[in-house]
Amino acid sequence: MAYTKGNMFKSVDWFTIALYLALVIFGWFSICGASYDYGDIDFFSFDTRSGKQIVWMSCSLGLGFILLMLDDKLYDIFAYLLYGVMILILFVTPFIADNTKGSYSWLKLGSISIQPAEFAKFATALALAKFMSKYNYSMQKVKDIGITLALFLVPMVLIVMQRETGSALVYLAFFLMLYREGMPGVFLFAGICAVIFFVVGIRFGDELMPDRITSIGHFSVLAMITALTPILIYVYSFSKQELARNLFFFGIGLTLLALLFSLYVIPFNIAYFQLPLIFSLAIYLLFISLRDRLWSLALICVFAIGSVAFLYSADYVFDKMLETHQQVRIKVVLGMEDDPAGSGYNVNQSKIAIGSGGLTGKGFLKGTQTKLKYVPEQDTDFIFCTVGEEEGFIGSAAVLLLFTILILRLIHLAERQHTTFGRVYGYAVVSIISFHLFINIGMVLGLTPVIGIPLPFFSYGGSSLWGFTLLLFIFLRIDAGRSDH
């Protein structure tokens, strides 16, 4: 069927566009409130943040219109080319970018600055959709899984080189899309375990057990690995459930005996007993898997060894690779430090601003915390605190409701795609927006570490708004052309 612009305008999802416009407009009013100075009411002046945001908004609307006018097949055809160009730009950025608040991620183009990491998201999503829609692609093939992971881990590493850890972590959101596309649940389980091991290992790593020698964090994580290994055998290898029970009681029993020996006989570092125990279990599993050709046992062996390696590498990364302010932020969130005047200042002031808004808020331009500039980055990463102070609980809930409706709508659009390319790209968009939303709101409320990522469609700045506009409107164009496929 010949596809015309008229057909496109009939097929495009105007409901999603309406949600986009509502969020962008609501965001502009929030930027007005966050950047407003007493006596200054010229919100449309290009010398003000609100005036500049109007330029970004206008350009975004024009960009969205252009994206809708293009043939949706172009996004499939040029996916790898766009990805390659963005990888090249990400690679050269730290060498030519100026130092901006400790990062080298902003490129100056005349009087404006852009952040390539924001634009790399849509290119990475397109490349993933292109690769995963190829003939004979399978999540069960090691080669396909390896290339899929590399497609978003490479830009992630390049962004870390720019000292933009927060922007790099956003790329982990693609795991949500992979899970929808059939990634084995064990990968999601491994991810959850990694988070738990990291939190427990770091939070209690320096605290000692009653024997005054063994780290509580290391003991706890190694004990969990000892217990989880036979549990995984029980779940994924039905023919070895008796073996799983024996290994569970054997591993936990020896660990408890070592604990009692250290507490009441001769104190020693119990981790030095747990490590050989786990490695012995892993070697035994590897032997059984080779003898009986049960490759699931080999993977469980990899999980056990990998978990131990992750525990000690996480300590190294935390102590040696993270910047001091990043370490402090994580420690504050985990309750290891109380730094209300330092790294905890942003979050404390944000909580005060949101709490002072009450049920209905103080009213537009009447917030005191934001007007007196108590909240740093209040029109970018901490824009939501302006919503909480001026619009109160009702306004905050309304914003979250809009985001929830948008995400649910995008899931609906992704599910109705007729091609794997469209579905994968749709879920990539859902994953990125959801990650940004949950982490940004979480850090404003003090529930997650402050990693400096913007609230979609709300935060001040052209790079963020253009990046999300690209993500969303490319998907809307693909959805509008689904009937052709």
Protein backbone atom coordinates (compact mmCIF):
# COMPACT_ATOMS: atom_id res chain seq x y z
CA MET A 1 0.00 0.00 0.00
CA ALA A 2 1.40 3.41 -0.87
CA TYR A 3 2.06 5.37 2.27
CA THR A 4 1.28 9.07 2.27
CA LYS A 5 1.73 11.86 4.79
CA GLY A 6 -2.02 11.95 5.21
CA ASN A 7 -2.03 8.30 6.22
CA MET A 8 0.80 8.98 8.67
CA PHE A 9 -1.13 11.73 10.43
CA LYS A 10 -4.11 9.41 10.72
CA SER A 11 -2.03 6.54 12.06
CA VAL A 12 0.27 8.40 14.44
CA ASP A 13 -0.61 8.03 18.11
CA TRP A 14 -1.84 11.50 19.02
CA PHE A 15 -2.56 10.44 22.59
CA THR A 16 1.15 9.88 23.22
CA ILE A 17 1.98 13.20 21.56
CA ALA A 18 -0.55 14.89 23.87
CA LEU A 19 1.16 13.31 26.89
CA TYR A 20 4.53 14.49 25.55
CA LEU A 21 3.26 18.06 25.14
CA ALA A 22 1.68 18.04 28.61
CA LEU A 23 4.94 16.92 30.23
CA VAL A 24 7.05 19.41 28.28
CA ILE A 25 4.72 22.32 29.13
CA PHE A 26 4.48 21.28 32.78
CA GLY A 27 8.28 21.03 32.77
CA TRP A 28 8.61 24.57 31.39
CA PHE A 29 6.46 25.98 34.20
CA SER A 30 8.63 24.08 36.69
CA ILE A 31 11.77 25.57 35.13
CA CYS A 32 10.17 29.02 35.46
CA GLY A 33 9.59 28.35 39.14
CA ALA A 34 13.07 26.93 39.72
CA SER A 35 14.98 29.70 37.93
CA TYR A 36 12.75 32.61 38.96
CA ASP A 37 14.28 35.54 40.86
CA TYR A 38 12.11 37.91 42.86
CA GLY A 39 11.06 40.83 40.70
CA ASP A 40 11.98 39.12 37.42
CA ILE A 41 8.82 38.20 35.51
CA ASP A 42 10.15 38.20 31.93
CA PHE A 43 10.01 34.44 31.42
CA PHE A 44 10.32 34.77 27.64
CA SER A 45 13.61 36.64 27.61
CA PHE A 46 16.39 34.63 26.02
CA ASP A 47 18.64 35.78 28.86
CA THR A 48 16.67 33.59 31.29
CA ARG A 49 16.63 29.81 31.64
CA SER A 50 12.92 29.70 30.93
CA GLY A 51 13.39 31.75 27.76
CA LYS A 52 16.17 29.50 26.54
CA GLN A 53 14.04 26.43 27.28
CA ILE A 54 11.37 27.81 24.93
CA VAL A 55 14.00 27.66 22.17
CA TRP A 56 14.79 24.04 23.03
CA MET A 57 11.08 23.21 23.13
CA SER A 58 10.44 24.84 19.75
CA CYS A 59 13.36 23.02 18.20
CA SER A 60 12.13 19.76 19.73
CA LEU A 61 8.69 20.21 18.18
CA GLY A 62 10.32 20.87 14.81
CA LEU A 63 12.56 17.85 15.28
CA GLY A 64 9.56 15.68 16.15
CA PHE A 65 7.73 16.87 13.03
CA ILE A 66 10.73 16.03 10.83
CA LEU A 67 11.05 12.57 12.39
CA LEU A 68 7.38 11.88 11.65
CA MET A 69 7.80 13.00 8.03
CA LEU A 70 10.65 10.58 7.31
CA ASP A 71 10.00 7.09 5.98
CA ASP A 72 10.07 4.70 8.92
CA LYS A 73 12.22 2.26 6.94
CA LEU A 74 15.07 4.77 7.08
CA TYR A 75 15.49 4.12 10.79
CA ASP A 76 16.07 0.45 10.07
CA ILE A 77 18.35 1.08 7.09
CA PHE A 78 20.61 3.62 8.81
CA ALA A 79 20.57 2.11 12.32
CA TYR A 80 24.16 0.83 12.23
CA LEU A 81 25.45 3.98 10.54
CA LEU A 82 23.90 6.21 13.21
CA TYR A 83 25.30 3.94 15.91
CA GLY A 84 28.78 4.02 14.40
CA VAL A 85 28.76 7.82 14.14
CA MET A 86 27.67 8.19 17.76
CA ILE A 87 30.33 5.74 18.95
CA LEU A 88 32.98 7.78 17.12
CA ILE A 89 31.68 11.01 18.68
CA LEU A 90 31.62 9.44 22.15
CA PHE A 91 35.19 8.25 21.65
CA VAL A 92 36.62 11.66 20.71
CA THR A 93 34.51 13.69 23.18
CA PRO A 94 36.77 13.33 26.26
CA PHE A 95 39.78 14.45 24.21
CA ILE A 96 38.22 17.66 22.87
CA ALA A 97 35.64 18.57 25.55
CA ASP A 98 36.28 21.16 28.25
CA ASN A 99 36.15 20.28 31.92
CA THR A 100 32.57 20.92 33.05
CA LYS A 101 32.05 20.23 36.76
CA GLY A 102 34.62 17.44 36.64
CA SER A 103 33.36 15.72 33.47
CA TYR A 104 34.48 15.87 29.86
CA SER A 105 31.15 15.15 28.22
CA TRP A 106 30.03 18.48 26.75
CA LEU A 107 30.93 19.65 23.25
CA LYS A 108 30.73 23.34 22.44
CA LEU A 109 29.13 24.27 19.12
CA GLY A 110 29.37 28.02 18.96
CA SER A 111 27.31 29.50 21.77
CA ILE A 112 25.64 26.24 22.77
CA SER A 113 26.87 23.03 24.37
CA ILE A 114 25.56 19.54 23.69
CA GLN A 115 26.05 16.26 25.50
CA PRO A 116 26.59 13.38 23.02
CA ALA A 117 25.69 10.79 25.67
CA GLU A 118 22.05 11.92 25.48
CA PHE A 119 21.90 11.35 21.71
CA ALA A 120 23.71 8.02 21.85
CA LYS A 121 20.69 6.44 23.56
CA PHE A 122 18.44 6.50 20.49
CA ALA A 123 21.28 5.32 18.22
CA THR A 124 22.04 2.43 20.57
CA ALA A 125 18.36 1.51 20.75
CA LEU A 126 18.14 1.48 16.94
CA ALA A 127 21.27 -0.68 16.63
CA LEU A 128 19.92 -3.16 19.17
CA ALA A 129 16.57 -3.31 17.39
CA LYS A 130 18.31 -3.82 14.04
CA PHE A 131 20.55 -6.61 15.31
CA MET A 132 17.88 -8.42 17.32
CA SER A 133 15.49 -8.40 14.36
CA LYS A 134 17.92 -10.21 12.07
CA TYR A 135 17.06 -13.63 10.71
CA ASN A 136 17.81 -16.52 13.09
CA TYR A 137 18.61 -14.27 16.05
CA SER A 138 18.28 -16.19 19.30
CA MET A 139 18.81 -15.35 22.94
CA GLN A 140 20.07 -18.89 23.36
CA LYS A 141 23.10 -18.33 21.11
CA VAL A 142 26.21 -17.19 22.97
CA LYS A 143 27.42 -15.19 19.94
CA ASP A 144 24.14 -13.30 19.61
CA ILE A 145 24.00 -12.56 23.35
CA GLY A 146 27.63 -11.39 23.30
CA ILE A 147 27.09 -8.96 20.42
CA THR A 148 23.86 -7.69 21.97
CA LEU A 149 25.60 -6.91 25.24
CA ALA A 150 28.52 -5.30 23.44
CA LEU A 151 26.21 -2.95 21.53
CA PHE A 152 25.22 -1.10 24.70
CA LEU A 153 28.24 -1.84 26.92
CA VAL A 154 30.63 -0.15 24.46
CA PRO A 155 28.91 3.28 24.63
CA MET A 156 28.55 2.77 28.36
CA VAL A 157 32.33 2.37 28.76
CA LEU A 158 33.01 5.36 26.51
CA ILE A 159 30.70 7.52 28.62
CA VAL A 160 32.44 6.36 31.80
CA MET A 161 35.67 7.61 30.19
CA GLN A 162 34.01 11.03 30.07
CA ARG A 163 33.48 10.82 33.85
CA GLU A 164 29.72 10.70 33.42
CA THR A 165 28.98 7.63 35.52
CA GLY A 166 25.30 8.52 35.92
CA SER A 167 24.68 8.80 32.18
CA ALA A 168 26.56 5.53 31.65
CA LEU A 169 24.42 3.63 34.15
CA VAL A 170 21.32 4.51 32.11
CA TYR A 171 22.43 1.96 29.50
CA LEU A 172 21.84 -0.83 32.02
CA ALA A 173 18.14 -0.12 31.41
CA PHE A 174 18.43 -2.10 28.18
CA PHE A 175 18.43 -5.25 30.31
CA LEU A 176 14.71 -4.62 30.89
CA MET A 177 14.13 -4.75 27.15
CA LEU A 178 16.26 -7.89 26.85
CA TYR A 179 14.19 -9.59 29.53
CA ARG A 180 11.01 -8.85 27.55
CA GLU A 181 12.64 -10.31 24.45
CA GLY A 182 13.36 -13.64 26.08
CA MET A 183 16.54 -13.20 28.03
CA PRO A 184 16.69 -16.14 30.45
CA GLY A 185 15.44 -15.24 33.90
CA VAL A 186 18.75 -16.32 35.37
CA PHE A 187 20.33 -13.15 33.97
CA LEU A 188 17.78 -11.00 35.79
CA PHE A 189 18.37 -13.08 38.90
CA ALA A 190 22.12 -12.52 38.54
CA GLY A 191 21.54 -8.79 38.22
CA ILE A 192 19.45 -8.69 41.39
CA CYS A 193 22.10 -10.72 43.19
CA ALA A 194 24.79 -8.29 42.00
CA VAL A 195 22.88 -5.36 43.51
CA ILE A 196 22.35 -7.22 46.80
CA PHE A 197 25.97 -8.37 46.96
CA PHE A 198 27.21 -4.85 46.24
CA VAL A 199 24.99 -3.19 48.84
CA VAL A 200 25.70 -5.76 51.58
CA GLY A 201 29.41 -5.98 50.74
CA ILE A 202 29.94 -2.22 50.74
CA ARG A 203 27.52 -1.34 53.55
CA PHE A 204 28.86 -3.89 56.04
CA GLY A 205 32.32 -4.42 54.58
CA ASP A 206 34.11 -2.48 57.33
CA GLU A 207 31.97 -3.79 60.19
CA LEU A 208 33.27 -6.80 62.11
CA MET A 209 31.53 -9.84 63.54
CA PRO A 210 31.82 -10.69 67.27
CA ASP A 211 35.13 -12.46 66.60
CA ARG A 212 36.51 -8.97 65.72
CA ILE A 213 38.27 -10.37 62.66
CA THR A 214 35.67 -11.36 60.03
CA SER A 215 33.94 -8.71 57.93
CA ILE A 216 30.16 -8.91 58.30
CA GLY A 217 29.72 -7.87 54.67
CA HIS A 218 32.07 -10.48 53.22
CA PHE A 219 30.79 -13.25 55.49
CA SER A 220 27.15 -12.49 54.61
CA VAL A 221 27.72 -12.38 50.84
CA LEU A 222 29.84 -15.55 50.81
CA ALA A 223 27.18 -17.31 52.91
CA MET A 224 24.50 -16.25 50.42
CA ILE A 225 26.60 -17.61 47.53
CA THR A 226 27.04 -20.89 49.40
CA ALA A 227 23.28 -21.18 49.90
CA LEU A 228 22.18 -19.93 46.46
CA THR A 229 24.42 -22.31 44.51
CA PRO A 230 22.58 -25.52 45.57
CA ILE A 231 19.23 -23.71 45.35
CA LEU A 232 19.96 -22.95 41.68
CA ILE A 233 20.84 -26.61 41.13
CA TYR A 234 17.49 -27.60 42.66
CA VAL A 235 15.59 -25.19 40.39
CA TYR A 236 17.40 -25.71 37.07
CA SER A 237 18.50 -29.35 37.24
CA PHE A 238 15.61 -31.62 38.20
CA SER A 239 17.73 -34.77 37.98
CA LYS A 240 20.12 -33.44 40.64
CA GLN A 241 17.69 -32.28 43.32
CA GLU A 242 19.02 -34.80 45.83
CA LEU A 243 22.54 -33.50 45.15
CA ALA A 244 21.27 -29.95 45.66
CA ARG A 245 19.83 -30.77 49.09
CA ASN A 246 23.05 -32.48 50.17
CA LEU A 247 25.23 -29.58 49.00
CA PHE A 248 22.96 -27.04 50.72
CA PHE A 249 23.13 -28.70 54.13
CA PHE A 250 26.83 -29.53 53.66
CA GLY A 251 27.79 -25.93 52.74
CA ILE A 252 25.62 -24.18 55.34
CA GLY A 253 26.57 -26.73 58.02
CA LEU A 254 30.31 -26.24 57.50
CA THR A 255 29.88 -22.48 57.45
CA LEU A 256 28.04 -22.56 60.80
CA LEU A 257 30.72 -24.85 62.28
CA ALA A 258 33.43 -22.43 61.12
CA LEU A 259 31.48 -19.55 62.67
CA LEU A 260 31.15 -21.34 66.02
CA PHE A 261 34.83 -22.33 65.97
CA SER A 262 35.86 -18.70 65.36
CA LEU A 263 33.55 -17.39 68.09
CA TYR A 264 34.32 -19.89 70.86
CA VAL A 265 37.64 -21.61 70.10
CA ILE A 266 40.18 -19.75 67.95
CA PRO A 267 39.17 -16.51 66.28
CA PHE A 268 40.03 -16.38 62.56
CA ASN A 269 38.78 -14.74 59.37
CA ILE A 270 35.90 -17.04 58.39
CA ALA A 271 36.06 -15.72 54.79
CA TYR A 272 39.32 -17.66 54.42
CA PHE A 273 37.31 -20.82 55.07
CA GLN A 274 34.32 -19.83 52.96
CA LEU A 275 36.35 -19.07 49.83
CA PRO A 276 37.93 -22.58 49.54
CA LEU A 277 34.53 -24.08 50.34
CA ILE A 278 32.85 -22.21 47.46
CA PHE A 279 35.67 -23.01 45.04
CA SER A 280 35.50 -26.69 46.04
CA LEU A 281 31.76 -26.74 45.39
CA ALA A 282 32.31 -25.05 42.03
CA ILE A 283 35.00 -27.54 40.97
CA TYR A 284 32.77 -30.45 42.00
CA LEU A 285 29.88 -29.01 39.99
CA LEU A 286 32.13 -28.57 36.97
CA PHE A 287 33.22 -32.21 37.24
CA ILE A 288 29.58 -33.41 37.47
CA SER A 289 28.55 -31.24 34.51
CA LEU A 290 31.33 -32.63 32.30
CA ARG A 291 30.69 -36.20 33.39
CA ASP A 292 26.91 -36.06 32.91
CA ARG A 293 26.90 -33.36 30.19
CA LEU A 294 24.66 -31.10 32.23
CA TRP A 295 25.62 -27.64 31.05
CA SER A 296 23.24 -25.99 33.49
CA LEU A 297 25.58 -27.09 36.28
CA ALA A 298 28.49 -25.48 34.46
CA LEU A 299 26.59 -22.19 34.33
CA ILE A 300 25.82 -22.44 38.06
CA CYS A 301 29.53 -23.02 38.62
CA VAL A 302 30.22 -19.80 36.69
CA PHE A 303 27.64 -18.01 38.86
CA ALA A 304 29.39 -19.10 42.06
CA ILE A 305 32.90 -18.13 40.92
CA GLY A 306 31.65 -14.96 39.24
CA SER A 307 29.82 -13.88 42.39
CA VAL A 308 32.99 -14.18 44.46
CA ALA A 309 34.93 -12.26 41.83
CA PHE A 310 32.23 -9.59 41.75
CA LEU A 311 32.30 -9.15 45.53
CA TYR A 312 36.01 -8.40 45.67
CA SER A 313 36.12 -6.45 42.40
CA ALA A 314 33.23 -4.27 43.69
CA ASP A 315 35.40 -3.38 46.69
CA TYR A 316 38.24 -2.43 44.36
CA VAL A 317 36.02 -0.37 42.05
CA PHE A 318 34.42 1.42 45.00
CA ASP A 319 37.73 2.22 46.71
CA LYS A 320 39.99 2.85 43.70
CA MET A 321 37.91 3.86 40.69
CA LEU A 322 34.98 5.92 42.00
CA GLU A 323 35.58 9.58 42.70
CA THR A 324 35.54 10.62 46.35
CA HIS A 325 32.24 12.51 46.00
CA GLN A 326 30.67 9.44 44.35
CA GLN A 327 31.79 7.24 47.24
CA VAL A 328 30.35 9.67 49.76
CA ARG A 329 27.01 9.84 47.91
CA ILE A 330 26.68 6.05 48.00
CA LYS A 331 27.70 5.94 51.67
CA VAL A 332 25.12 8.58 52.55
CA VAL A 333 22.34 6.61 50.79
CA LEU A 334 23.43 3.36 52.47
CA GLY A 335 23.48 5.05 55.87
CA MET A 336 27.24 4.68 56.26
CA GLU A 337 27.75 8.43 56.65
CA ASP A 338 25.66 11.43 57.60
CA ASP A 339 26.86 14.44 55.62
CA PRO A 340 24.08 17.05 55.69
CA ALA A 341 26.47 19.88 54.80
CA GLY A 342 28.35 18.00 52.09
CA SER A 343 27.20 15.27 49.73
CA GLY A 344 23.92 14.91 51.62
CA TYR A 345 23.12 18.61 51.29
CA ASN A 346 21.31 18.36 47.93
CA VAL A 347 19.05 15.56 49.08
CA ASN A 348 18.29 17.14 52.47
CA GLN A 349 17.36 20.47 50.89
CA SER A 350 15.27 18.66 48.26
CA LYS A 351 13.35 16.80 50.98
CA ILE A 352 12.74 20.06 52.83
CA ALA A 353 11.45 21.73 49.64
CA ILE A 354 9.12 18.84 48.79
CA GLY A 355 7.89 18.48 52.35
CA SER A 356 7.20 22.21 52.68
CA GLY A 357 4.78 22.01 49.73
CA GLY A 358 2.24 20.07 51.76
CA LEU A 359 -0.89 18.82 50.05
CA THR A 360 -1.59 21.62 47.57
CA GLY A 361 1.75 23.43 47.40
CA LYS A 362 2.74 27.04 47.97
CA GLY A 363 1.65 28.15 44.52
CA PHE A 364 3.40 29.05 41.28
CA LEU A 365 6.55 31.16 41.93
CA LYS A 366 5.88 31.13 45.68
CA GLY A 367 8.32 28.44 46.75
CA THR A 368 10.86 29.71 49.28
CA GLN A 369 13.41 26.90 49.18
CA THR A 370 13.77 27.09 45.41
CA LYS A 371 13.54 30.90 45.17
CA LEU A 372 16.33 31.33 47.71
CA LYS A 373 18.43 28.76 45.79
CA TYR A 374 18.80 26.35 48.69
CA VAL A 375 18.51 23.37 46.32
CA PRO A 376 21.47 22.99 43.93
CA GLU A 377 20.67 21.98 40.32
CA GLN A 378 17.01 22.71 41.05
CA ASP A 379 16.11 23.29 37.39
CA THR A 380 17.97 20.24 36.06
CA ASP A 381 18.54 17.06 38.09
CA PHE A 382 16.45 18.24 41.07
CA ILE A 383 13.60 19.82 39.09
CA PHE A 384 11.04 17.58 40.80
CA CYS A 385 11.59 19.33 44.14
CA THR A 386 10.19 22.50 42.52
CA VAL A 387 7.05 20.57 41.58
CA GLY A 388 6.73 19.30 45.14
CA GLU A 389 7.17 22.72 46.74
CA GLU A 390 4.97 24.77 44.40
CA GLU A 391 2.32 22.21 43.46
CA GLY A 392 2.40 20.01 46.57
CA PHE A 393 1.46 16.37 46.82
CA ILE A 394 -1.40 16.77 44.34
CA GLY A 395 0.83 18.29 41.67
CA SER A 396 3.59 15.74 42.26
CA ALA A 397 1.09 12.89 42.03
CA ALA A 398 -0.32 14.38 38.81
CA VAL A 399 3.16 14.47 37.24
CA LEU A 400 3.87 10.88 38.27
CA LEU A 401 0.47 9.85 36.93
CA LEU A 402 1.28 11.43 33.54
CA PHE A 403 4.57 9.55 33.41
CA THR A 404 2.84 6.30 34.40
CA ILE A 405 0.23 6.73 31.67
CA LEU A 406 2.98 7.49 29.14
CA ILE A 407 4.95 4.38 30.06
CA LEU A 408 1.87 2.16 29.97
CA ARG A 409 0.89 3.66 26.61
CA LEU A 410 4.36 3.00 25.19
CA ILE A 411 4.17 -0.60 26.38
CA HIS A 412 0.84 -0.93 24.58
CA LEU A 413 2.36 0.53 21.40
CA ALA A 414 5.38 -1.77 21.65
CA GLU A 415 3.20 -4.85 22.01
CA ARG A 416 1.13 -4.05 18.91
CA GLN A 417 4.17 -3.80 16.60
CA HIS A 418 4.18 -6.20 13.65
CA THR A 419 7.97 -6.39 13.46
CA THR A 420 10.66 -7.40 15.93
CA PHE A 421 12.51 -4.18 15.06
CA GLY A 422 9.57 -2.03 16.16
CA ARG A 423 8.89 -4.02 19.31
CA VAL A 424 12.52 -4.08 20.46
CA TYR A 425 12.95 -0.37 19.83
CA GLY A 426 9.68 0.38 21.62
CA TYR A 427 10.73 -1.51 24.72
CA ALA A 428 14.13 0.17 24.60
CA VAL A 429 12.35 3.54 24.77
CA VAL A 430 10.19 2.30 27.66
CA SER A 431 13.26 1.03 29.52
CA ILE A 432 15.24 4.26 29.19
CA ILE A 433 12.37 6.56 30.19
CA SER A 434 11.44 4.30 33.12
CA PHE A 435 15.03 4.16 34.35
CA HIS A 436 15.38 7.94 34.21
CA LEU A 437 12.07 8.44 35.99
CA PHE A 438 12.66 5.97 38.84
CA ILE A 439 16.27 6.97 39.49
CA ASN A 440 15.66 10.73 39.25
CA ILE A 441 12.64 10.66 41.58
CA GLY A 442 14.51 8.25 43.85
CA MET A 443 17.56 10.50 44.20
CA VAL A 444 15.39 13.59 44.82
CA LEU A 445 13.67 11.69 47.66
CA GLY A 446 16.95 10.25 48.96
CA LEU A 447 16.07 6.67 47.98
CA THR A 448 18.86 6.23 45.41
CA PRO A 449 22.36 7.70 45.10
CA VAL A 450 22.65 11.10 43.42
CA ILE A 451 24.06 10.15 40.00
CA GLY A 452 23.02 13.24 38.08
CA ILE A 453 20.52 12.17 35.43
CA PRO A 454 17.68 14.43 34.22
CA LEU A 455 13.94 13.96 34.58
CA PRO A 456 12.59 13.24 31.06
CA PHE A 457 10.91 16.22 29.34
CA PHE A 458 11.17 18.29 32.56
CA SER A 459 14.80 19.12 33.26
CA TYR A 460 16.29 22.26 31.75
CA GLY A 461 18.56 21.80 28.73
CA GLY A 462 18.47 21.08 25.03
CA SER A 463 20.50 17.86 24.97
CA SER A 464 18.16 16.05 27.36
CA LEU A 465 14.95 17.28 25.69
CA TRP A 466 16.21 16.61 22.17
CA GLY A 467 17.51 13.18 23.17
CA PHE A 468 14.16 12.10 24.58
CA THR A 469 12.31 13.67 21.64
CA LEU A 470 14.42 11.61 19.24
CA LEU A 471 13.75 8.44 21.21
CA LEU A 472 10.00 9.00 21.40
CA PHE A 473 9.19 10.36 17.95
CA ILE A 474 11.24 7.76 16.09
CA PHE A 475 9.13 5.16 17.85
CA LEU A 476 5.92 7.01 17.05
CA ARG A 477 6.95 7.06 13.36
CA ILE A 478 7.72 3.35 13.42
CA ASP A 479 4.35 2.71 15.08
CA ALA A 480 2.53 4.87 12.51
CA GLY A 481 3.96 2.75 9.71
CA ARG A 482 3.29 -0.63 11.31
CA SER A 483 0.40 -1.38 8.89
CA ASP A 484 2.91 -1.43 6.02
CA HIS A 485 4.60 -4.43 7.61
